[in-house]
Amino acid sequence: MEIIYIVNPTAGNGKAKMLIPKIHEIMKDKNLSYQVIETTKKGDATLLAKKAVNEDAKKVIAVGGDGTINEVVNGIAGSKVVLGIVPAGSGNDVERLLKLPKKIEDSIEFAINGRVRTVDLGKVYKGYYINIASIGLDAEIAAYTQVSKKYFKGKWAYIASLIKNLFCYKPIHAVITIDGKEMERNLLLFAVGNGQYYGGGFKILPQAIMDDAYFDACIVSHIPRWKIPLALPALIKGEHDKYPFVEFIKLKKIKIKTSKEVKLNLDGEISQGSYFEFEIIPNALNIIGH
């Protein structure tokens, strides 16, 4: 099979599933063998992607949001298989990162015939990620947004989570080791990654480059709660380097130990722990993008 489409039918409140007829329509006139497979549960996309690698597929196209992309990345990392993306989630930060076409027909065509580039991947635990990992206020907001979605729709779920965490969040004491150098911080936010955007468009790592063999990290020390809303516009634009409580660092490896268990937001997927090791893996993924 030349191309495997892995579709998360629940992504984007069903948007991804609605794209299946359009995929068939576009593919019918191409002299390419292909298959469209829908996931049924969390982790399916990784298993399906690994199967595609074992069956010598040339390209796997992820149809869904950043979480779906993350799962597919973990199925093909280190192989020769090319990743294509048809964005169909809510945040779509990887879409911004790769400057993918906005129009659905164009994004499908681009996933099939677009330029292939080789990019680095982040590694934490035994898994890979393409964009950004974070702990702190933003990870707590992302985690609680999943709860608030039961009571609020769309952006209001995020806003409800933001308000709740602004009042309740307490700074985390952390011991951070960057390329062998140790330091301590009371963290409001910590992000390390290969891409610039997260959280649906917040430009947290404005200097990040996907293929320079380095991570970028942003460390935001604890500040009074009332200052946080004032800093949000700068964070959205990637202009938060003007604040004295913000540090930017380029690095290869970083270890972080927190004083208590915290949420880890990994390309939109939430887990928990108190010790993390992050490492950049150069040239680990072939992907369609600008």
Foldseek 3Di string as FASTA:
>chain_A
DAEEEEFACPALNRQRVVCVVVLCVVCVPDPDDYYYHYDDDPLRLLVVLLVCLVVPHQEYEYRHALSSVQSNCQNQWQHNHAYAYQYRHQQRQVCVQQVADPDRNRSSVLSVDFDKDFFKWKDKDHGTAQWKKKWALVLQLLVQLVVLCVPDDDCVSSVVSNVVCLVVGFWWWKWKAFPRRIDIARFRMKMKTQTQDDPRQFRQFVPHHGAPLKIKMKTAGDDRSVCVVVCRVCRNVVNNVVDPRIDIDIGFKMKMFIPDKTWMQGSSDIDIDGIMIMGMGHRGHIYGGD
